[in-house]
Amino acid sequence: MNPTREDLITLGYLKPGDAIARAPKRERKIWLTDSDKEYAERHGLTRQEMKDFKEDMIIEEEILRDHKILAAQEKKEHYNSPQSHYLAW
C-alpha cells in the first residue's frame, strides 16, 4: 500500500507545493542473527526467504509506526479545535 500525497505531506516527506508525490526509497540492510538462522532451519526456509520475511516485518512495523504518527496528529488536531472546548457544538 502506497501512502497518499496527504500522508506524505503530513509525515514531512513532502511540502504542500512539491510536484513529486512518491515516498522516498528506504534502503534496508537485513542481517540474520543466529536465532534467525536456527528458526529458518527448523521451518525449512532458505536464508533468502528468511531475509524476505524479516524485510516484510520491518515494512509492517514502519507502516504501523506511520499510522500511529498520523493518528496522534489527528487526535491532537481534534483536541486543539474549538469543538473540543465547547459542548454546544
PDB file of N, CA and C in Angstrom:
ATOM      1  N   MET A   1       0.840  -1.172   0.000  1.00  0.00           N
ATOM      2  CA  MET A   1       0.000   0.000   0.000  1.00  0.00           C
ATOM      3  C   MET A   1       0.888   1.238   0.000  1.00  0.00           C
ATOM      4  N   ASN A   2       0.710   2.080  -0.970  1.00  0.00           N
ATOM      5  CA  ASN A   2       1.485   3.309  -1.059  1.00  0.00           C
ATOM      6  C   ASN A   2       0.785   4.427  -0.308  1.00  0.00           C
ATOM      7  N   PRO A   3       1.558   5.244   0.379  1.00  0.00           N
ATOM      8  CA  PRO A   3       0.926   6.363   1.088  1.00  0.00           C
ATOM      9  C   PRO A   3       0.388   7.396   0.103  1.00  0.00           C
ATOM     10  N   THR A   4      -0.660   8.079   0.507  1.00  0.00           N
ATOM     11  CA  THR A   4      -1.227   9.120  -0.345  1.00  0.00           C
ATOM     12  C   THR A   4      -0.370  10.379  -0.257  1.00  0.00           C
ATOM     13  N   ARG A   5      -0.629  11.318  -1.128  1.00  0.00           N
ATOM     14  CA  ARG A   5       0.095  12.591  -1.128  1.00  0.00           C
ATOM     15  C   ARG A   5      -0.096  13.317   0.207  1.00  0.00           C
ATOM     16  N   GLU A   6      -1.328  13.270   0.740  1.00  0.00           N
ATOM     17  CA  GLU A   6      -1.601  13.927   2.017  1.00  0.00           C
ATOM     18  C   GLU A   6      -0.819  13.267   3.156  1.00  0.00           C
ATOM     19  N   ASP A   7      -0.701  11.930   3.101  1.00  0.00           N
ATOM     20  CA  ASP A   7       0.088  11.231   4.116  1.00  0.00           C
ATOM     21  C   ASP A   7       1.548  11.660   4.066  1.00  0.00           C
ATOM     22  N   LEU A   8       2.087  11.774   2.859  1.00  0.00           N
ATOM     23  CA  LEU A   8       3.493  12.176   2.710  1.00  0.00           C
ATOM     24  C   LEU A   8       3.716  13.598   3.210  1.00  0.00           C
ATOM     25  N   ILE A   9       2.756  14.466   2.980  1.00  0.00           N
ATOM     26  CA  ILE A   9       2.865  15.847   3.476  1.00  0.00           C
ATOM     27  C   ILE A   9       2.782  15.850   4.999  1.00  0.00           C
ATOM     28  N   THR A  10       1.846  15.082   5.546  1.00  0.00           N
ATOM     29  CA  THR A  10       1.673  15.029   6.991  1.00  0.00           C
ATOM     30  C   THR A  10       2.903  14.461   7.682  1.00  0.00           C
ATOM     31  N   LEU A  11       3.524  13.441   7.082  1.00  0.00           N
ATOM     32  CA  LEU A  11       4.699  12.823   7.687  1.00  0.00           C
ATOM     33  C   LEU A  11       5.972  13.631   7.456  1.00  0.00           C
ATOM     34  N   GLY A  12       5.901  14.664   6.617  1.00  0.00           N
ATOM     35  CA  GLY A  12       7.045  15.538   6.421  1.00  0.00           C
ATOM     36  C   GLY A  12       7.936  15.168   5.250  1.00  0.00           C
ATOM     37  N   TYR A  13       7.546  14.166   4.439  1.00  0.00           N
ATOM     38  CA  TYR A  13       8.346  13.793   3.283  1.00  0.00           C
ATOM     39  C   TYR A  13       8.148  14.773   2.126  1.00  0.00           C
ATOM     40  N   LEU A  14       6.992  15.416   2.066  1.00  0.00           N
ATOM     41  CA  LEU A  14       6.692  16.389   1.021  1.00  0.00           C
ATOM     42  C   LEU A  14       6.222  17.685   1.652  1.00  0.00           C
ATOM     43  N   LYS A  15       6.392  18.763   0.881  1.00  0.00           N
ATOM     44  CA  LYS A  15       5.818  20.050   1.272  1.00  0.00           C
ATOM     45  C   LYS A  15       4.605  20.281   0.389  1.00  0.00           C
ATOM     46  N   PRO A  16       3.653  21.091   0.827  1.00  0.00           N
ATOM     47  CA  PRO A  16       2.426  21.265   0.041  1.00  0.00           C
ATOM     48  C   PRO A  16       2.645  21.676  -1.417  1.00  0.00           C
ATOM     49  N   GLY A  17       3.725  22.361  -1.749  1.00  0.00           N
ATOM     50  CA  GLY A  17       3.942  22.790  -3.122  1.00  0.00           C
ATOM     51  C   GLY A  17       4.737  21.820  -3.978  1.00  0.00           C
ATOM     52  N   ASP A  18       5.210  20.713  -3.422  1.00  0.00           N
ATOM     53  CA  ASP A  18       6.032  19.760  -4.173  1.00  0.00           C
ATOM     54  C   ASP A  18       5.210  19.057  -5.245  1.00  0.00           C
ATOM     55  N   ALA A  19       5.850  18.824  -6.392  1.00  0.00           N
ATOM     56  CA  ALA A  19       5.157  18.193  -7.505  1.00  0.00           C
ATOM     57  C   ALA A  19       5.283  16.669  -7.443  1.00  0.00           C
ATOM     58  N   ILE A  20       6.330  16.149  -6.868  1.00  0.00           N
ATOM     59  CA  ILE A  20       6.550  14.712  -6.827  1.00  0.00           C
ATOM     60  C   ILE A  20       5.793  14.144  -5.636  1.00  0.00           C
ATOM     61  N   ALA A  21       5.045  13.091  -5.874  1.00  0.00           N
ATOM     62  CA  ALA A  21       4.248  12.508  -4.800  1.00  0.00           C
ATOM     63  C   ALA A  21       4.605  11.043  -4.585  1.00  0.00           C
ATOM     64  N   ARG A  22       5.905  10.758  -4.463  1.00  0.00           N
ATOM     65  CA  ARG A  22       6.327   9.392  -4.201  1.00  0.00           C
ATOM     66  C   ARG A  22       7.080   9.342  -2.876  1.00  0.00           C
ATOM     67  N   ALA A  23       6.961   8.234  -2.204  1.00  0.00           N
ATOM     68  CA  ALA A  23       7.669   8.055  -0.942  1.00  0.00           C
ATOM     69  C   ALA A  23       9.156   7.870  -1.224  1.00  0.00           C
ATOM     70  N   PRO A  24      10.003   8.354  -0.352  1.00  0.00           N
ATOM     71  CA  PRO A  24      11.430   8.147  -0.556  1.00  0.00           C
ATOM     72  C   PRO A  24      11.777   6.677  -0.445  1.00  0.00           C
ATOM     73  N   LYS A  25      12.750   6.255  -1.234  1.00  0.00           N
ATOM     74  CA  LYS A  25      13.165   4.862  -1.192  1.00  0.00           C
ATOM     75  C   LYS A  25      13.962   4.641   0.084  1.00  0.00           C
ATOM     76  N   ARG A  26      13.537   3.676   0.835  1.00  0.00           N
ATOM     77  CA  ARG A  26      14.215   3.362   2.089  1.00  0.00           C
ATOM     78  C   ARG A  26      15.130   2.171   1.867  1.00  0.00           C
ATOM     79  N   GLU A  27      16.380   2.371   2.159  1.00  0.00           N
ATOM     80  CA  GLU A  27      17.340   1.285   1.988  1.00  0.00           C
ATOM     81  C   GLU A  27      17.406   0.503   3.294  1.00  0.00           C
ATOM     82  N   ARG A  28      17.165  -0.788   3.190  1.00  0.00           N
ATOM     83  CA  ARG A  28      17.173  -1.635   4.374  1.00  0.00           C
ATOM     84  C   ARG A  28      18.257  -2.684   4.227  1.00  0.00           C
ATOM     85  N   LYS A  29      19.088  -2.802   5.244  1.00  0.00           N
ATOM     86  CA  LYS A  29      20.079  -3.869   5.277  1.00  0.00           C
ATOM     87  C   LYS A  29      19.587  -4.900   6.276  1.00  0.00           C
ATOM     88  N   ILE A  30      19.376  -6.099   5.801  1.00  0.00           N
ATOM     89  CA  ILE A  30      18.827  -7.159   6.621  1.00  0.00           C
ATOM     90  C   ILE A  30      19.967  -8.071   7.077  1.00  0.00           C
ATOM     91  N   TRP A  31      20.089  -8.203   8.378  1.00  0.00           N
ATOM     92  CA  TRP A  31      21.093  -9.085   8.964  1.00  0.00           C
ATOM     93  C   TRP A  31      20.376 -10.222   9.666  1.00  0.00           C
ATOM     94  N   LEU A  32      20.868 -11.444   9.451  1.00  0.00           N
ATOM     95  CA  LEU A  32      20.291 -12.593  10.124  1.00  0.00           C
ATOM     96  C   LEU A  32      21.124 -12.929  11.354  1.00  0.00           C
ATOM     97  N   THR A  33      20.448 -13.009  12.483  1.00  0.00           N
ATOM     98  CA  THR A  33      21.127 -13.401  13.708  1.00  0.00           C
ATOM     99  C   THR A  33      21.176 -14.927  13.775  1.00  0.00           C
ATOM    100  N   ASP A  34      21.890 -15.437  14.758  1.00  0.00           N
ATOM    101  CA  ASP A  34      21.966 -16.889  14.916  1.00  0.00           C
ATOM    102  C   ASP A  34      20.587 -17.484  15.176  1.00  0.00           C
ATOM    103  N   SER A  35      19.783 -16.789  15.966  1.00  0.00           N
ATOM    104  CA  SER A  35      18.435 -17.305  16.242  1.00  0.00           C
ATOM    105  C   SER A  35      17.576 -17.290  14.971  1.00  0.00           C
ATOM    106  N   ASP A  36      17.788 -16.294  14.100  1.00  0.00           N
ATOM    107  CA  ASP A  36      17.061 -16.266  12.820  1.00  0.00           C
ATOM    108  C   ASP A  36      17.452 -17.459  11.958  1.00  0.00           C
ATOM    109  N   LYS A  37      18.737 -17.770  11.938  1.00  0.00           N
ATOM    110  CA  LYS A  37      19.214 -18.910  11.146  1.00  0.00           C
ATOM    111  C   LYS A  37      18.671 -20.224  11.699  1.00  0.00           C
ATOM    112  N   GLU A  38      18.624 -20.350  13.020  1.00  0.00           N
ATOM    113  CA  GLU A  38      18.064 -21.554  13.635  1.00  0.00           C
ATOM    114  C   GLU A  38      16.579 -21.678  13.310  1.00  0.00           C
ATOM    115  N   TYR A  39      15.860 -20.571  13.374  1.00  0.00           N
ATOM    116  CA  TYR A  39      14.433 -20.567  13.048  1.00  0.00           C
ATOM    117  C   TYR A  39      14.226 -21.014  11.602  1.00  0.00           C
ATOM    118  N   ALA A  40      15.054 -20.494  10.692  1.00  0.00           N
ATOM    119  CA  ALA A  40      14.936 -20.855   9.285  1.00  0.00           C
ATOM    120  C   ALA A  40      15.196 -22.344   9.075  1.00  0.00           C
ATOM    121  N   GLU A  41      16.179 -22.874   9.764  1.00  0.00           N
ATOM    122  CA  GLU A  41      16.473 -24.304   9.628  1.00  0.00           C
ATOM    123  C   GLU A  41      15.324 -25.164  10.161  1.00  0.00           C
ATOM    124  N   ARG A  42      14.758 -24.770  11.306  1.00  0.00           N
ATOM    125  CA  ARG A  42      13.659 -25.540  11.892  1.00  0.00           C
ATOM    126  C   ARG A  42      12.444 -25.567  10.990  1.00  0.00           C
ATOM    127  N   HIS A  43      12.203 -24.471  10.272  1.00  0.00           N
ATOM    128  CA  HIS A  43      10.998 -24.365   9.443  1.00  0.00           C
ATOM    129  C   HIS A  43      11.261 -24.593   7.958  1.00  0.00           C
ATOM    130  N   GLY A  44      12.459 -25.012   7.616  1.00  0.00           N
ATOM    131  CA  GLY A  44      12.770 -25.350   6.224  1.00  0.00           C
ATOM    132  C   GLY A  44      12.826 -24.149   5.293  1.00  0.00           C
ATOM    133  N   LEU A  45      13.270 -23.011   5.801  1.00  0.00           N
ATOM    134  CA  LEU A  45      13.373 -21.806   4.977  1.00  0.00           C
ATOM    135  C   LEU A  45      14.818 -21.598   4.535  1.00  0.00           C
ATOM    136  N   THR A  46      14.980 -21.061   3.343  1.00  0.00           N
ATOM    137  CA  THR A  46      16.319 -20.684   2.896  1.00  0.00           C
ATOM    138  C   THR A  46      16.677 -19.346   3.534  1.00  0.00           C
ATOM    139  N   ARG A  47      17.939 -18.973   3.431  1.00  0.00           N
ATOM    140  CA  ARG A  47      18.359 -17.690   4.010  1.00  0.00           C
ATOM    141  C   ARG A  47      17.667 -16.523   3.314  1.00  0.00           C
ATOM    142  N   GLN A  48      17.500 -16.615   2.001  1.00  0.00           N
ATOM    143  CA  GLN A  48      16.840 -15.527   1.271  1.00  0.00           C
ATOM    144  C   GLN A  48      15.385 -15.404   1.691  1.00  0.00           C
ATOM    145  N   GLU A  49      14.721 -16.534   1.889  1.00  0.00           N
ATOM    146  CA  GLU A  49      13.326 -16.484   2.353  1.00  0.00           C
ATOM    147  C   GLU A  49      13.239 -15.858   3.742  1.00  0.00           C
ATOM    148  N   MET A  50      14.214 -16.161   4.588  1.00  0.00           N
ATOM    149  CA  MET A  50      14.227 -15.577   5.926  1.00  0.00           C
ATOM    150  C   MET A  50      14.493 -14.082   5.861  1.00  0.00           C
ATOM    151  N   LYS A  51      15.405 -13.669   4.977  1.00  0.00           N
ATOM    152  CA  LYS A  51      15.656 -12.233   4.806  1.00  0.00           C
ATOM    153  C   LYS A  51      14.416 -11.521   4.295  1.00  0.00           C
ATOM    154  N   ASP A  52      13.729 -12.139   3.338  1.00  0.00           N
ATOM    155  CA  ASP A  52      12.491 -11.549   2.823  1.00  0.00           C
ATOM    156  C   ASP A  52      11.439 -11.435   3.920  1.00  0.00           C
ATOM    157  N   PHE A  53      11.348 -12.460   4.766  1.00  0.00           N
ATOM    158  CA  PHE A  53      10.401 -12.433   5.876  1.00  0.00           C
ATOM    159  C   PHE A  53      10.728 -11.291   6.831  1.00  0.00           C
ATOM    160  N   LYS A  54      11.998 -11.143   7.175  1.00  0.00           N
ATOM    161  CA  LYS A  54      12.394 -10.059   8.081  1.00  0.00           C
ATOM    162  C   LYS A  54      12.129  -8.696   7.455  1.00  0.00           C
ATOM    163  N   GLU A  55      12.384  -8.560   6.145  1.00  0.00           N
ATOM    164  CA  GLU A  55      12.118  -7.290   5.467  1.00  0.00           C
ATOM    165  C   GLU A  55      10.627  -6.973   5.494  1.00  0.00           C
ATOM    166  N   ASP A  56       9.785  -7.988   5.268  1.00  0.00           N
ATOM    167  CA  ASP A  56       8.337  -7.781   5.344  1.00  0.00           C
ATOM    168  C   ASP A  56       7.921  -7.322   6.739  1.00  0.00           C
ATOM    169  N   MET A  57       8.533  -7.889   7.767  1.00  0.00           N
ATOM    170  CA  MET A  57       8.210  -7.497   9.136  1.00  0.00           C
ATOM    171  C   MET A  57       8.651  -6.057   9.411  1.00  0.00           C
ATOM    172  N   ILE A  58       9.809  -5.662   8.883  1.00  0.00           N
ATOM    173  CA  ILE A  58      10.285  -4.289   9.062  1.00  0.00           C
ATOM    174  C   ILE A  58       9.334  -3.314   8.379  1.00  0.00           C
ATOM    175  N   ILE A  59       8.907  -3.656   7.169  1.00  0.00           N
ATOM    176  CA  ILE A  59       7.970  -2.799   6.429  1.00  0.00           C
ATOM    177  C   ILE A  59       6.661  -2.673   7.198  1.00  0.00           C
ATOM    178  N   GLU A  60       6.170  -3.791   7.742  1.00  0.00           N
ATOM    179  CA  GLU A  60       4.932  -3.756   8.520  1.00  0.00           C
ATOM    180  C   GLU A  60       5.075  -2.862   9.748  1.00  0.00           C
ATOM    181  N   GLU A  61       6.227  -2.941  10.424  1.00  0.00           N
ATOM    182  CA  GLU A  61       6.460  -2.078  11.587  1.00  0.00           C
ATOM    183  C   GLU A  61       6.496  -0.607  11.191  1.00  0.00           C
ATOM    184  N   GLU A  62       7.086  -0.299  10.021  1.00  0.00           N
ATOM    185  CA  GLU A  62       7.122   1.089   9.551  1.00  0.00           C
ATOM    186  C   GLU A  62       5.720   1.589   9.234  1.00  0.00           C
ATOM    187  N   ILE A  63       4.898   0.741   8.635  1.00  0.00           N
ATOM    188  CA  ILE A  63       3.517   1.128   8.324  1.00  0.00           C
ATOM    189  C   ILE A  63       2.749   1.403   9.613  1.00  0.00           C
ATOM    190  N   LEU A  64       2.915   0.526  10.604  1.00  0.00           N
ATOM    191  CA  LEU A  64       2.234   0.738  11.879  1.00  0.00           C
ATOM    192  C   LEU A  64       2.718   2.012  12.566  1.00  0.00           C
ATOM    193  N   ARG A  65       4.031   2.265  12.507  1.00  0.00           N
ATOM    194  CA  ARG A  65       4.581   3.480  13.128  1.00  0.00           C
ATOM    195  C   ARG A  65       4.014   4.722  12.447  1.00  0.00           C
ATOM    196  N   ASP A  66       3.992   4.712  11.102  1.00  0.00           N
ATOM    197  CA  ASP A  66       3.450   5.862  10.374  1.00  0.00           C
ATOM    198  C   ASP A  66       1.965   6.055  10.682  1.00  0.00           C
ATOM    199  N   HIS A  67       1.228   4.939  10.811  1.00  0.00           N
ATOM    200  CA  HIS A  67      -0.190   5.043  11.143  1.00  0.00           C
ATOM    201  C   HIS A  67      -0.378   5.656  12.528  1.00  0.00           C
ATOM    202  N   LYS A  68       0.449   5.249  13.484  1.00  0.00           N
ATOM    203  CA  LYS A  68       0.354   5.811  14.834  1.00  0.00           C
ATOM    204  C   LYS A  68       0.674   7.299  14.831  1.00  0.00           C
ATOM    205  N   ILE A  69       1.658   7.706  14.029  1.00  0.00           N
ATOM    206  CA  ILE A  69       2.007   9.128  13.931  1.00  0.00           C
ATOM    207  C   ILE A  69       0.824   9.918  13.377  1.00  0.00           C
ATOM    208  N   LEU A  70       0.219   9.412  12.301  1.00  0.00           N
ATOM    209  CA  LEU A  70      -0.927  10.101  11.709  1.00  0.00           C
ATOM    210  C   LEU A  70      -2.104  10.153  12.681  1.00  0.00           C
ATOM    211  N   ALA A  71      -2.359   9.062  13.394  1.00  0.00           N
ATOM    212  CA  ALA A  71      -3.470   9.036  14.350  1.00  0.00           C
ATOM    213  C   ALA A  71      -3.227  10.024  15.487  1.00  0.00           C
ATOM    214  N   ALA A  72      -1.992  10.123  15.953  1.00  0.00           N
ATOM    215  CA  ALA A  72      -1.681  11.065  17.033  1.00  0.00           C
ATOM    216  C   ALA A  72      -1.861  12.505  16.562  1.00  0.00           C
ATOM    217  N   GLN A  73      -1.469  12.783  15.311  1.00  0.00           N
ATOM    218  CA  GLN A  73      -1.634  14.142  14.791  1.00  0.00           C
ATOM    219  C   GLN A  73      -3.107  14.489  14.627  1.00  0.00           C
ATOM    220  N   GLU A  74      -3.913  13.534  14.153  1.00  0.00           N
ATOM    221  CA  GLU A  74      -5.340  13.795  14.018  1.00  0.00           C
ATOM    222  C   GLU A  74      -5.987  14.005  15.385  1.00  0.00           C
ATOM    223  N   LYS A  75      -5.551  13.235  16.368  1.00  0.00           N
ATOM    224  CA  LYS A  75      -6.078  13.377  17.727  1.00  0.00           C
ATOM    225  C   LYS A  75      -5.711  14.748  18.291  1.00  0.00           C
ATOM    226  N   LYS A  76      -4.472  15.164  18.042  1.00  0.00           N
ATOM    227  CA  LYS A  76      -4.019  16.468  18.529  1.00  0.00           C
ATOM    228  C   LYS A  76      -4.823  17.580  17.869  1.00  0.00           C
ATOM    229  N   GLU A  77      -5.091  17.449  16.566  1.00  0.00           N
ATOM    230  CA  GLU A  77      -5.874  18.464  15.868  1.00  0.00           C
ATOM    231  C   GLU A  77      -7.287  18.543  16.444  1.00  0.00           C
ATOM    232  N   HIS A  78      -7.847  17.394  16.811  1.00  0.00           N
ATOM    233  CA  HIS A  78      -9.198  17.404  17.381  1.00  0.00           C
ATOM    234  C   HIS A  78      -9.211  18.086  18.749  1.00  0.00           C
ATOM    235  N   TYR A  79      -8.237  17.762  19.587  1.00  0.00           N
ATOM    236  CA  TYR A  79      -8.216  18.350  20.929  1.00  0.00           C
ATOM    237  C   TYR A  79      -7.887  19.839  20.911  1.00  0.00           C
ATOM    238  N   ASN A  80      -7.252  20.312  19.865  1.00  0.00           N
ATOM    239  CA  ASN A  80      -6.936  21.734  19.760  1.00  0.00           C
ATOM    240  C   ASN A  80      -8.026  22.524  19.037  1.00  0.00           C
ATOM    241  N   SER A  81      -9.076  21.857  18.613  1.00  0.00           N
ATOM    242  CA  SER A  81     -10.132  22.562  17.878  1.00  0.00           C
ATOM    243  C   SER A  81     -11.144  23.159  18.858  1.00  0.00           C
ATOM    244  N   PRO A  82     -11.885  24.183  18.413  1.00  0.00           N
ATOM    245  CA  PRO A  82     -12.910  24.779  19.265  1.00  0.00           C
ATOM    246  C   PRO A  82     -14.007  23.789  19.657  1.00  0.00           C
ATOM    247  N   GLN A  83     -14.243  22.798  18.803  1.00  0.00           N
ATOM    248  CA  GLN A  83     -15.293  21.836  19.097  1.00  0.00           C
ATOM    249  C   GLN A  83     -15.010  21.029  20.366  1.00  0.00           C
ATOM    250  N   SER A  84     -13.732  20.822  20.664  1.00  0.00           N
ATOM    251  CA  SER A  84     -13.414  20.034  21.835  1.00  0.00           C
ATOM    252  C   SER A  84     -13.578  20.832  23.134  1.00  0.00           C
ATOM    253  N   HIS A  85     -13.636  22.164  23.044  1.00  0.00           N
ATOM    254  CA  HIS A  85     -13.734  23.002  24.239  1.00  0.00           C
ATOM    255  C   HIS A  85     -15.158  23.417  24.561  1.00  0.00           C
ATOM    256  N   TYR A  86     -16.008  23.462  23.550  1.00  0.00           N
ATOM    257  CA  TYR A  86     -17.372  23.937  23.756  1.00  0.00           C
ATOM    258  C   TYR A  86     -18.348  22.776  23.522  1.00  0.00           C
ATOM    259  N   LEU A  87     -19.136  22.441  24.533  1.00  0.00           N
ATOM    260  CA  LEU A  87     -20.056  21.333  24.424  1.00  0.00           C
ATOM    261  C   LEU A  87     -21.282  21.668  23.575  1.00  0.00           C
ATOM    262  N   ALA A  88     -21.487  22.937  23.268  1.00  0.00           N
ATOM    263  CA  ALA A  88     -22.660  23.340  22.498  1.00  0.00           C
ATOM    264  C   ALA A  88     -22.508  23.059  20.998  1.00  0.00           C
ATOM    265  N   TRP A  89     -21.353  22.716  20.554  1.00  0.00           N
ATOM    266  CA  TRP A  89     -21.162  22.471  19.121  1.00  0.00           C
ATOM    267  C   TRP A  89     -22.073  21.386  18.681  1.00  0.00           C
TER     268      TRP A  89
END
